C-alpha atoms as a PDB file:
ATOM      1  CA  MET A   1      20.416 -16.959   1.112  1.00  0.00           C
ATOM      2  CA  ILE A   2      17.487 -19.488   0.773  1.00  0.00           C
ATOM      3  CA  LYS A   3      13.988 -18.509   1.494  1.00  0.00           C
ATOM      4  CA  PRO A   4      12.192 -20.819   4.088  1.00  0.00           C
ATOM      5  CA  GLU A   5       9.219 -22.636   3.799  1.00  0.00           C
ATOM      6  CA  TRP A   6       7.288 -20.023   5.762  1.00  0.00           C
ATOM      7  CA  ILE A   7       7.364 -17.234   2.789  1.00  0.00           C
ATOM      8  CA  LYS A   8       6.756 -19.551  -0.074  1.00  0.00           C
ATOM      9  CA  VAL A   9       3.459 -18.796  -1.908  1.00  0.00           C
ATOM     10  CA  ARG A  10       1.114 -20.861  -3.877  1.00  0.00           C
ATOM     11  CA  TYR A  11      -1.622 -19.869  -6.014  1.00  0.00           C
ATOM     12  CA  SER A  12      -4.085 -21.119  -8.919  1.00  0.00           C
ATOM     13  CA  GLU A  13      -3.589 -19.586 -12.337  1.00  0.00           C
ATOM     14  CA  ASN A  14      -7.084 -20.403 -13.142  1.00  0.00           C
ATOM     15  CA  ARG A  15      -8.331 -17.780 -10.488  1.00  0.00           C
ATOM     16  CA  ILE A  16      -6.036 -14.822 -11.448  1.00  0.00           C
ATOM     17  CA  LYS A  17      -5.829 -14.994 -15.344  1.00  0.00           C
ATOM     18  CA  PRO A  18      -8.571 -13.157 -16.076  1.00  0.00           C
ATOM     19  CA  VAL A  19      -7.444 -10.219 -13.951  1.00  0.00           C
ATOM     20  CA  ALA A  20      -3.790 -10.366 -15.402  1.00  0.00           C
ATOM     21  CA  ASP A  21      -5.129 -10.559 -18.970  1.00  0.00           C
ATOM     22  CA  TYR A  22      -7.392  -7.718 -18.259  1.00  0.00           C
ATOM     23  CA  LEU A  23      -4.549  -5.375 -16.930  1.00  0.00           C
ATOM     24  CA  GLU A  24      -2.230  -6.247 -19.558  1.00  0.00           C
ATOM     25  CA  GLN A  25      -4.796  -5.697 -22.585  1.00  0.00           C
ATOM     26  CA  ASN A  26      -5.730  -2.239 -20.583  1.00  0.00           C
ATOM     27  CA  ARG A  27      -2.194  -1.192 -19.972  1.00  0.00           C
ATOM     28  CA  ILE A  28      -3.512  -0.898 -16.323  1.00  0.00           C
ATOM     29  CA  HIS A  29      -0.645  -0.286 -13.495  1.00  0.00           C
ATOM     30  CA  THR A  30      -0.711  -1.910 -10.313  1.00  0.00           C
ATOM     31  CA  VAL A  31       1.503  -1.361  -7.340  1.00  0.00           C
ATOM     32  CA  CYS A  32       1.022  -5.381  -7.186  1.00  0.00           C
ATOM     33  CA  GLU A  33       2.909  -6.090 -10.711  1.00  0.00           C
ATOM     34  CA  SER A  34       5.242  -2.858 -10.405  1.00  0.00           C
ATOM     35  CA  ALA A  35       6.543  -3.731  -6.956  1.00  0.00           C
ATOM     36  CA  VAL A  36       6.565  -7.435  -7.542  1.00  0.00           C
ATOM     37  CA  CYS A  37       4.511  -8.386  -4.723  1.00  0.00           C
ATOM     38  CA  PRO A  38       4.130 -11.878  -3.349  1.00  0.00           C
ATOM     39  CA  ASN A  39       0.461 -11.372  -2.566  1.00  0.00           C
ATOM     40  CA  ARG A  40      -0.536 -10.150  -5.885  1.00  0.00           C
ATOM     41  CA  TRP A  41      -2.191 -13.520  -7.227  1.00  0.00           C
ATOM     42  CA  ALA A  42      -4.073 -13.806  -3.969  1.00  0.00           C
ATOM     43  CA  CYS A  43      -5.213 -10.253  -4.320  1.00  0.00           C
ATOM     44  CA  TYR A  44      -6.060 -10.774  -7.977  1.00  0.00           C
ATOM     45  CA  ALA A  45      -8.085 -14.020  -7.375  1.00  0.00           C
ATOM     46  CA  ASP A  46     -10.120 -11.900  -4.706  1.00  0.00           C
ATOM     47  CA  LYS A  47     -10.357  -8.817  -7.062  1.00  0.00           C
ATOM     48  CA  GLU A  48      -8.331  -6.683  -4.726  1.00  0.00           C
ATOM     49  CA  LEU A  49      -6.174  -4.575  -6.668  1.00  0.00           C
ATOM     50  CA  THR A  50      -3.934  -1.434  -5.867  1.00  0.00           C
ATOM     51  CA  PHE A  51      -3.730   0.766  -8.524  1.00  0.00           C
ATOM     52  CA  MET A  52      -0.645   2.784  -9.088  1.00  0.00           C
ATOM     53  CA  ILE A  53      -1.400   6.419 -10.542  1.00  0.00           C
ATOM     54  CA  LEU A  54       0.941   8.926 -11.962  1.00  0.00           C
ATOM     55  CA  GLY A  55       2.921   6.552 -14.238  1.00  0.00           C
ATOM     56  CA  GLU A  56       5.426   3.904 -13.909  1.00  0.00           C
ATOM     57  CA  ARG A  57       8.480   5.652 -13.062  1.00  0.00           C
ATOM     58  CA  CYS A  58       9.655   7.144  -9.600  1.00  0.00           C
ATOM     59  CA  THR A  59      11.667   9.955  -8.962  1.00  0.00           C
ATOM     60  CA  ARG A  60      13.282   8.551  -5.861  1.00  0.00           C
ATOM     61  CA  GLN A  61      16.003   5.920  -5.653  1.00  0.00           C
ATOM     62  CA  CYS A  62      14.650   3.547  -2.772  1.00  0.00           C
ATOM     63  CA  GLY A  63      17.208   0.541  -2.281  1.00  0.00           C
ATOM     64  CA  PHE A  64      14.381  -2.055  -1.634  1.00  0.00           C
ATOM     65  CA  CYS A  65      11.814  -0.828  -4.339  1.00  0.00           C
ATOM     66  CA  ALA A  66      11.426  -2.514  -7.766  1.00  0.00           C
ATOM     67  CA  VAL A  67       9.414   0.454  -9.284  1.00  0.00           C
ATOM     68  CA  THR A  68      11.584   1.771 -12.203  1.00  0.00           C
ATOM     69  CA  LYS A  69      13.388   5.185 -11.740  1.00  0.00           C
ATOM     70  CA  GLY A  70      14.069   7.738 -14.207  1.00  0.00           C
ATOM     71  CA  VAL A  71      12.159  10.770 -16.020  1.00  0.00           C
ATOM     72  CA  PRO A  72       8.672  10.276 -15.436  1.00  0.00           C
ATOM     73  CA  GLU A  73       5.782  10.283 -17.912  1.00  0.00           C
ATOM     74  CA  ASN A  74       3.207  12.680 -18.798  1.00  0.00           C
ATOM     75  CA  VAL A  75       0.211  12.396 -16.268  1.00  0.00           C
ATOM     76  CA  ASP A  76      -2.487  10.636 -18.005  1.00  0.00           C
ATOM     77  CA  GLU A  77      -5.823  12.715 -18.272  1.00  0.00           C
ATOM     78  CA  HIS A  78      -7.931   9.522 -18.474  1.00  0.00           C
ATOM     79  CA  GLU A  79      -6.428   7.807 -15.714  1.00  0.00           C
ATOM     80  CA  CYS A  80      -9.361   8.432 -13.458  1.00  0.00           C
ATOM     81  CA  LYS A  81     -11.854   6.864 -15.927  1.00  0.00           C
ATOM     82  CA  THR A  82      -9.765   4.077 -16.708  1.00  0.00           C
ATOM     83  CA  ILE A  83      -9.580   2.991 -12.656  1.00  0.00           C
ATOM     84  CA  LEU A  84     -12.998   3.370 -12.111  1.00  0.00           C
ATOM     85  CA  ASN A  85     -14.121   1.128 -15.188  1.00  0.00           C
ATOM     86  CA  THR A  86     -11.630  -1.672 -13.813  1.00  0.00           C
ATOM     87  CA  VAL A  87     -12.850  -1.359 -10.369  1.00  0.00           C
ATOM     88  CA  GLU A  88     -16.761  -1.894 -12.058  1.00  0.00           C
ATOM     89  CA  TRP A  89     -15.434  -4.245 -14.165  1.00  0.00           C
ATOM     90  CA  LEU A  90     -14.042  -6.197 -11.087  1.00  0.00           C
ATOM     91  CA  GLY A  91     -17.333  -5.560  -9.110  1.00  0.00           C
ATOM     92  CA  ALA A  92     -15.253  -4.453  -6.379  1.00  0.00           C
ATOM     93  CA  ASP A  93     -16.590  -1.660  -3.797  1.00  0.00           C
ATOM     94  CA  TYR A  94     -13.159  -0.782  -2.198  1.00  0.00           C
ATOM     95  CA  ALA A  95     -10.083   0.526  -4.239  1.00  0.00           C
ATOM     96  CA  VAL A  96      -6.633   1.010  -3.054  1.00  0.00           C
ATOM     97  CA  ILE A  97      -4.482   3.522  -4.996  1.00  0.00           C
ATOM     98  CA  THR A  98      -1.274   4.485  -4.687  1.00  0.00           C
ATOM     99  CA  SER A  99       1.790   6.329  -6.670  1.00  0.00           C
ATOM    100  CA  VAL A 100       5.004   6.539  -7.967  1.00  0.00           C
ATOM    101  CA  THR A 101       6.764   9.239  -6.200  1.00  0.00           C
ATOM    102  CA  ARG A 102       6.409  12.890  -8.464  1.00  0.00           C
ATOM    103  CA  ASP A 103       8.897  15.192  -7.044  1.00  0.00           C
ATOM    104  CA  ASP A 104       8.879  16.633 -10.584  1.00  0.00           C
ATOM    105  CA  LEU A 105       5.294  18.063 -10.578  1.00  0.00           C
ATOM    106  CA  PRO A 106       4.633  21.086  -8.771  1.00  0.00           C
ATOM    107  CA  ASP A 107       1.826  19.582  -6.477  1.00  0.00           C
ATOM    108  CA  CYS A 108       3.744  16.126  -6.454  1.00  0.00           C
ATOM    109  CA  GLY A 109       0.551  14.888  -7.537  1.00  0.00           C
ATOM    110  CA  ALA A 110      -1.628  15.345  -4.825  1.00  0.00           C
ATOM    111  CA  HIS A 111      -4.449  16.902  -7.138  1.00  0.00           C
ATOM    112  CA  GLN A 112      -4.428  13.718  -9.056  1.00  0.00           C
ATOM    113  CA  PHE A 113      -5.225  11.238  -5.920  1.00  0.00           C
ATOM    114  CA  ALA A 114      -7.841  13.843  -5.012  1.00  0.00           C
ATOM    115  CA  LYS A 115      -9.357  13.420  -8.765  1.00  0.00           C
ATOM    116  CA  VAL A 116      -9.191   9.674  -8.636  1.00  0.00           C
ATOM    117  CA  ILE A 117     -10.624   9.498  -4.973  1.00  0.00           C
ATOM    118  CA  HIS A 118     -13.792  11.641  -5.933  1.00  0.00           C
ATOM    119  CA  ALA A 119     -14.418   9.705  -9.101  1.00  0.00           C
ATOM    120  CA  LEU A 120     -14.647   6.259  -7.089  1.00  0.00           C
ATOM    121  CA  LYS A 121     -16.698   7.966  -4.267  1.00  0.00           C
ATOM    122  CA  ASN A 122     -19.426   9.485  -6.999  1.00  0.00           C
ATOM    123  CA  SER A 123     -19.931   5.633  -8.000  1.00  0.00           C
ATOM    124  CA  ASN A 124     -20.016   4.620  -4.012  1.00  0.00           C
ATOM    125  CA  ILE A 125     -16.598   3.101  -4.124  1.00  0.00           C
ATOM    126  CA  HIS A 126     -14.918   2.828  -0.868  1.00  0.00           C
ATOM    127  CA  THR A 127     -11.225   4.138  -1.234  1.00  0.00           C
ATOM    128  CA  GLU A 128      -7.930   3.875   0.426  1.00  0.00           C
ATOM    129  CA  VAL A 129      -4.722   5.838  -0.594  1.00  0.00           C
ATOM    130  CA  LEU A 130      -1.152   5.132   0.125  1.00  0.00           C
ATOM    131  CA  ILE A 131       0.389   8.364  -0.473  1.00  0.00           C
ATOM    132  CA  PRO A 132       3.991   9.513  -1.013  1.00  0.00           C
ATOM    133  CA  ASP A 133       5.365  12.223   1.535  1.00  0.00           C
ATOM    134  CA  PHE A 134       4.379  15.100  -1.262  1.00  0.00           C
ATOM    135  CA  ASP A 135       7.829  16.808   0.432  1.00  0.00           C
ATOM    136  CA  GLY A 136       6.365  17.251   3.695  1.00  0.00           C
ATOM    137  CA  ASP A 137       4.093  20.229   2.124  1.00  0.00           C
ATOM    138  CA  GLU A 138       0.756  20.144   4.560  1.00  0.00           C
ATOM    139  CA  LYS A 139      -1.015  21.911   1.787  1.00  0.00           C
ATOM    140  CA  LEU A 140      -1.081  18.943  -0.548  1.00  0.00           C
ATOM    141  CA  ILE A 141      -1.345  16.715   2.342  1.00  0.00           C
ATOM    142  CA  ARG A 142      -4.710  18.462   3.012  1.00  0.00           C
ATOM    143  CA  ALA A 143      -5.900  18.529  -0.854  1.00  0.00           C
ATOM    144  CA  VAL A 144      -5.694  14.404  -0.296  1.00  0.00           C
ATOM    145  CA  ILE A 145      -7.493  14.495   2.858  1.00  0.00           C
ATOM    146  CA  ASP A 146     -10.077  17.142   1.947  1.00  0.00           C
ATOM    147  CA  ALA A 147     -11.109  14.580  -0.997  1.00  0.00           C
ATOM    148  CA  GLY A 148     -12.532  12.436   1.703  1.00  0.00           C
ATOM    149  CA  PRO A 149     -11.037   8.811   1.313  1.00  0.00           C
ATOM    150  CA  ASP A 150     -12.102   6.283   4.034  1.00  0.00           C
ATOM    151  CA  VAL A 151      -8.407   5.477   4.553  1.00  0.00           C
ATOM    152  CA  ILE A 152      -5.007   7.308   4.036  1.00  0.00           C
ATOM    153  CA  ALA A 153      -1.929   5.389   4.404  1.00  0.00           C
ATOM    154  CA  HIS A 154       1.631   6.369   4.386  1.00  0.00           C
ATOM    155  CA  ASN A 155       4.404   3.638   4.743  1.00  0.00           C
ATOM    156  CA  MET A 156       7.324   4.455   7.368  1.00  0.00           C
ATOM    157  CA  GLU A 157       9.132   1.027   5.563  1.00  0.00           C
ATOM    158  CA  THR A 158      12.090   0.989   7.893  1.00  0.00           C
ATOM    159  CA  VAL A 159      13.704   1.969  10.921  1.00  0.00           C
ATOM    160  CA  GLN A 160      15.387   5.559  11.578  1.00  0.00           C
ATOM    161  CA  ARG A 161      18.911   4.624  11.285  1.00  0.00           C
ATOM    162  CA  LEU A 162      18.460   3.059   7.733  1.00  0.00           C
ATOM    163  CA  TYR A 163      16.641   5.693   6.342  1.00  0.00           C
ATOM    164  CA  ARG A 164      19.525   7.298   4.637  1.00  0.00           C
ATOM    165  CA  HIS A 165      20.831   4.451   3.298  1.00  0.00           C
ATOM    166  CA  LEU A 166      17.691   2.830   2.021  1.00  0.00           C
ATOM    167  CA  ARG A 167      15.324   6.074   1.454  1.00  0.00           C
ATOM    168  CA  PRO A 168      17.941   8.525   0.325  1.00  0.00           C
ATOM    169  CA  GLY A 169      15.333  10.914  -0.929  1.00  0.00           C
ATOM    170  CA  SER A 170      13.244  10.710   1.828  1.00  0.00           C
ATOM    171  CA  ASP A 171      13.141  11.708   5.731  1.00  0.00           C
ATOM    172  CA  TYR A 172      12.121   9.696   8.633  1.00  0.00           C
ATOM    173  CA  SER A 173      10.946  12.892  10.440  1.00  0.00           C
ATOM    174  CA  THR A 174       9.053  14.218   7.255  1.00  0.00           C
ATOM    175  CA  SER A 175       7.314  10.710   7.124  1.00  0.00           C
ATOM    176  CA  LEU A 176       6.346  11.005  10.605  1.00  0.00           C
ATOM    177  CA  GLY A 177       4.992  14.218   9.700  1.00  0.00           C
ATOM    178  CA  VAL A 178       2.489  13.404   6.994  1.00  0.00           C
ATOM    179  CA  LEU A 179       0.831  11.130   9.390  1.00  0.00           C
ATOM    180  CA  GLU A 180       0.867  13.251  12.153  1.00  0.00           C
ATOM    181  CA  CYS A 181      -0.791  15.879   9.574  1.00  0.00           C
ATOM    182  CA  ILE A 182      -3.572  13.832   8.663  1.00  0.00           C
ATOM    183  CA  LYS A 183      -4.797  13.212  12.258  1.00  0.00           C
ATOM    184  CA  ARG A 184      -4.468  17.003  13.298  1.00  0.00           C
ATOM    185  CA  THR A 185      -6.320  17.947  10.095  1.00  0.00           C
ATOM    186  CA  GLN A 186      -9.134  15.219  10.472  1.00  0.00           C
ATOM    187  CA  LYS A 187      -8.972  13.388  13.527  1.00  0.00           C
ATOM    188  CA  ASN A 188     -11.512  10.661  12.396  1.00  0.00           C
ATOM    189  CA  MET A 189      -9.828   9.664   9.409  1.00  0.00           C
ATOM    190  CA  ILE A 190      -8.601   6.215   9.571  1.00  0.00           C
ATOM    191  CA  THR A 191      -4.707   6.296   9.174  1.00  0.00           C
ATOM    192  CA  LYS A 192      -2.208   3.737   8.216  1.00  0.00           C
ATOM    193  CA  SER A 193       1.523   2.954   8.062  1.00  0.00           C
ATOM    194  CA  GLY A 194       3.779  -0.315   7.680  1.00  0.00           C
ATOM    195  CA  PHE A 195       7.130  -1.266   7.307  1.00  0.00           C
ATOM    196  CA  MET A 196       9.384  -3.850   6.314  1.00  0.00           C
ATOM    197  CA  MET A 197      11.655  -6.684   8.596  1.00  0.00           C
ATOM    198  CA  GLY A 198      14.820  -7.970   7.580  1.00  0.00           C
ATOM    199  CA  LEU A 199      16.747  -5.247   6.567  1.00  0.00           C
ATOM    200  CA  GLY A 200      19.237  -4.717   9.039  1.00  0.00           C
ATOM    201  CA  GLU A 201      17.438  -3.690  11.852  1.00  0.00           C
ATOM    202  CA  ASP A 202      17.304  -4.524  15.671  1.00  0.00           C
ATOM    203  CA  ILE A 203      14.151  -5.508  17.623  1.00  0.00           C
ATOM    204  CA  SER A 204      14.802  -2.241  19.806  1.00  0.00           C
ATOM    205  CA  GLU A 205      14.876  -0.032  16.731  1.00  0.00           C
ATOM    206  CA  VAL A 206      11.711  -1.718  15.407  1.00  0.00           C
ATOM    207  CA  LYS A 207       9.882  -0.961  18.701  1.00  0.00           C
ATOM    208  CA  GLU A 208      10.875   2.516  18.729  1.00  0.00           C
ATOM    209  CA  LEU A 209       9.614   3.019  15.293  1.00  0.00           C
ATOM    210  CA  MET A 210       6.210   1.784  16.287  1.00  0.00           C
ATOM    211  CA  ARG A 211       5.980   3.882  19.495  1.00  0.00           C
ATOM    212  CA  ASP A 212       6.767   6.995  17.033  1.00  0.00           C
ATOM    213  CA  ILE A 213       3.984   5.712  14.745  1.00  0.00           C
ATOM    214  CA  MET A 214       1.747   5.194  17.358  1.00  0.00           C
ATOM    215  CA  ALA A 215       2.544   8.736  18.861  1.00  0.00           C
ATOM    216  CA  ALA A 216       1.491  10.245  15.205  1.00  0.00           C
ATOM    217  CA  GLY A 217      -2.231   8.987  15.586  1.00  0.00           C
ATOM    218  CA  CYS A 218      -2.074   5.905  13.277  1.00  0.00           C
ATOM    219  CA  ASP A 219      -4.648   3.554  13.625  1.00  0.00           C
ATOM    220  CA  ILE A 220      -3.589   0.852  11.389  1.00  0.00           C
ATOM    221  CA  LEU A 221      -0.042  -0.931  11.477  1.00  0.00           C
ATOM    222  CA  THR A 222       1.251  -3.634   9.126  1.00  0.00           C
ATOM    223  CA  VAL A 223       4.723  -5.411   9.603  1.00  0.00           C
ATOM    224  CA  GLY A 224       5.706  -7.562   7.097  1.00  0.00           C
ATOM    225  CA  GLN A 225       9.306  -9.483   5.587  1.00  0.00           C
ATOM    226  CA  TYR A 226      11.126  -7.662   3.151  1.00  0.00           C
ATOM    227  CA  LEU A 227      11.690  -9.604   0.049  1.00  0.00           C
ATOM    228  CA  ARG A 228      14.438  -8.909  -2.316  1.00  0.00           C
ATOM    229  CA  PRO A 229      12.475  -8.065  -5.963  1.00  0.00           C
ATOM    230  CA  SER A 230      15.850  -8.167  -7.843  1.00  0.00           C
ATOM    231  CA  GLU A 231      19.497  -8.239  -7.962  1.00  0.00           C
ATOM    232  CA  ASP A 232      19.799  -4.485  -8.213  1.00  0.00           C
ATOM    233  CA  ASN A 233      17.666  -4.114  -4.951  1.00  0.00           C
ATOM    234  CA  GLU A 234      18.921  -4.227  -1.366  1.00  0.00           C
ATOM    235  CA  GLU A 235      19.981  -7.725  -0.366  1.00  0.00           C
ATOM    236  CA  VAL A 236      17.797  -9.300   2.640  1.00  0.00           C
ATOM    237  CA  LYS A 237      19.704  -9.081   5.742  1.00  0.00           C
ATOM    238  CA  ALA A 238      17.559 -11.941   7.632  1.00  0.00           C
ATOM    239  CA  TYR A 239      14.396 -14.044   7.128  1.00  0.00           C
ATOM    240  CA  ILE A 240      12.185 -13.358  10.661  1.00  0.00           C
ATOM    241  CA  HIS A 241      10.790 -16.241  12.196  1.00  0.00           C
ATOM    242  CA  PRO A 242       7.080 -15.809  12.389  1.00  0.00           C
ATOM    243  CA  GLY A 243       7.201 -15.833  16.432  1.00  0.00           C
ATOM    244  CA  VAL A 244       8.922 -12.542  15.949  1.00  0.00           C
ATOM    245  CA  PHE A 245       6.079 -10.942  13.830  1.00  0.00           C
ATOM    246  CA  LYS A 246       3.415 -12.354  16.441  1.00  0.00           C
ATOM    247  CA  MET A 247       5.164 -10.861  19.314  1.00  0.00           C
ATOM    248  CA  LEU A 248       5.411  -7.456  17.551  1.00  0.00           C
ATOM    249  CA  GLU A 249       1.809  -7.893  16.606  1.00  0.00           C
ATOM    250  CA  ALA A 250       0.936  -8.306  20.329  1.00  0.00           C
ATOM    251  CA  PHE A 251       3.620  -5.108  21.395  1.00  0.00           C
ATOM    252  CA  GLY A 252       1.444  -3.223  18.669  1.00  0.00           C
ATOM    253  CA  HIS A 253      -2.030  -4.105  20.175  1.00  0.00           C
ATOM    254  CA  GLY A 254      -0.335  -3.221  23.745  1.00  0.00           C
ATOM    255  CA  LEU A 255       0.682   0.380  22.224  1.00  0.00           C
ATOM    256  CA  GLY A 256      -3.007   1.000  21.178  1.00  0.00           C
ATOM    257  CA  PHE A 257      -2.978   0.339  17.489  1.00  0.00           C
ATOM    258  CA  LYS A 258      -6.758  -0.688  16.203  1.00  0.00           C
ATOM    259  CA  VAL A 259      -5.543  -3.039  13.943  1.00  0.00           C
ATOM    260  CA  VAL A 260      -2.237  -4.818  13.644  1.00  0.00           C
ATOM    261  CA  GLN A 261      -1.146  -7.433  10.799  1.00  0.00           C
ATOM    262  CA  SER A 262       2.289  -8.567  11.392  1.00  0.00           C
ATOM    263  CA  ALA A 263       3.306 -11.747   9.316  1.00  0.00           C
ATOM    264  CA  PRO A 264       5.832 -12.463   6.793  1.00  0.00           C
ATOM    265  CA  LEU A 265       3.813 -11.805   3.828  1.00  0.00           C
ATOM    266  CA  VAL A 266       2.123  -9.115   5.253  1.00  0.00           C
ATOM    267  CA  ARG A 267       1.799  -5.865   2.895  1.00  0.00           C
ATOM    268  CA  SER A 268       0.613  -2.505   3.880  1.00  0.00           C
ATOM    269  CA  SER A 269      -2.574  -3.079   0.994  1.00  0.00           C
ATOM    270  CA  PHE A 270      -3.190  -6.718   1.339  1.00  0.00           C
ATOM    271  CA  GLN A 271      -6.422  -7.484   2.703  1.00  0.00           C
ATOM    272  CA  ALA A 272      -6.914  -3.665   2.984  1.00  0.00           C
ATOM    273  CA  ARG A 273     -10.739  -3.743   2.945  1.00  0.00           C
ATOM    274  CA  GLU A 274     -10.939  -5.936   6.112  1.00  0.00           C
ATOM    275  CA  MET A 275      -8.579  -4.043   7.959  1.00  0.00           C
ATOM    276  CA  TRP A 276     -10.779  -0.814   7.107  1.00  0.00           C
ATOM    277  CA  MET A 277     -13.517  -2.468   8.361  1.00  0.00           C
ATOM    278  CA  ARG A 278     -12.032  -3.643  11.482  1.00  0.00           C
ATOM    279  CA  ALA A 279     -10.850  -0.375  12.307  1.00  0.00           C
ATOM    280  CA  THR A 280     -14.058   1.246  11.924  1.00  0.00           C
ATOM    281  CA  GLU A 281     -15.717  -1.891  13.762  1.00  0.00           C
ATOM    282  CA  SER A 282     -18.118  -1.762  11.001  1.00  0.00           C
ATOM    283  CA  SER A 283     -19.835  -4.735   8.777  1.00  0.00           C
ATOM    284  CA  TYR A 284     -20.469  -3.761   5.119  1.00  0.00           C
ATOM    285  CA  PRO A 285     -22.176  -5.927   2.316  1.00  0.00           C
ATOM    286  CA  CYS A 286     -20.458  -8.431   0.362  1.00  0.00           C
ATOM    287  CA  LYS A 287     -18.629  -7.160  -2.660  1.00  0.00           C
ATOM    288  CA  ARG A 288     -20.830  -6.192  -5.622  1.00  0.00           C
ATOM    289  CA  GLU A 289     -21.288  -8.849  -8.328  1.00  0.00           C
ATOM    290  CA  SER A 290     -18.534  -8.716 -10.933  1.00  0.00           C
ATOM    291  CA  ARG A 291     -19.807  -7.707 -14.554  1.00  0.00           C
ATOM    292  CA  LYS A 292     -17.656 -10.161 -16.041  1.00  0.00           C
ATOM    293  CA  LYS A 293     -18.262 -12.909 -13.499  1.00  0.00           C
ATOM    294  CA  LEU A 294     -14.811 -13.823 -12.877  1.00  0.00           C
ATOM    295  CA  ASP A 295     -15.577 -16.558 -10.116  1.00  0.00           C
ATOM    296  CA  SER A 296     -16.678 -18.712 -13.246  1.00  0.00           C
ATOM    297  CA  ALA A 297     -13.098 -18.783 -14.190  1.00  0.00           C
ATOM    298  CA  SER A 298     -12.270 -20.675 -10.860  1.00  0.00           C
ATOM    299  CA  SER A 299     -14.822 -23.357 -11.523  1.00  0.00           C
ATOM    300  CA  ALA A 300     -12.174 -25.775 -12.640  1.00  0.00           C
ATOM    301  CA  GLU A 301     -10.216 -25.597  -9.096  1.00  0.00           C
END
């Protein structure tokens, strides 16, 4: 299926090379690279990364995801420091942390999330976490809540009918339960979820999913086009016209979400800092100056 013009991505290599080189040289994992995100070049240029903790291999077999599946690595005891050093090198004041799913660990990796959150908070860096379902264990979800991130996200990914096929290790009700648990435990916590279009869903199912996410108390919703990352992943069933995304954005606002981002290239962590600021109706200073003055690399544009 030929990609339409509205999802073609353009970028300037001059602006992204310093970040890409730093990540490669320091062996830093990002979901930007591991999931082949179409926005990674724009995020690199803006010094906004989504770090992937707990290794590069996932214990689940989601058909849409490009992250490597298999036996996971040992947890890196230096991971917190590595991420902190990178955020400070970037001169950023907001970091997004996600992970592979680690069903092999007794705590599913929840306490590693908490450690990273604490390390960033201690350096006055705002933190958003995109967490797995932790097998629905509310004690583990609360361990992340108690660490005090600014935003906790958990993506629904697709409509209920497609869960068994696309997310065989996950459960629709369990994922909704993660969002519900966060709001029940800390009603002022900003929560966020997202899903993809183009996997075979219909509009009535999409609207029902949006109602369910809203009923779970979610503040921020993201809706984007599924793009097949490799031939081993699920095929794209349809490229959704931008007008449909705009309609869903209006529908989401009507349901009561504080922030709705709905467009073909929207992803849950893209422009995360901006969405957080809109959800809190706050204004924060510009990002700190990069130690390495990355912007100097873009002067040739």
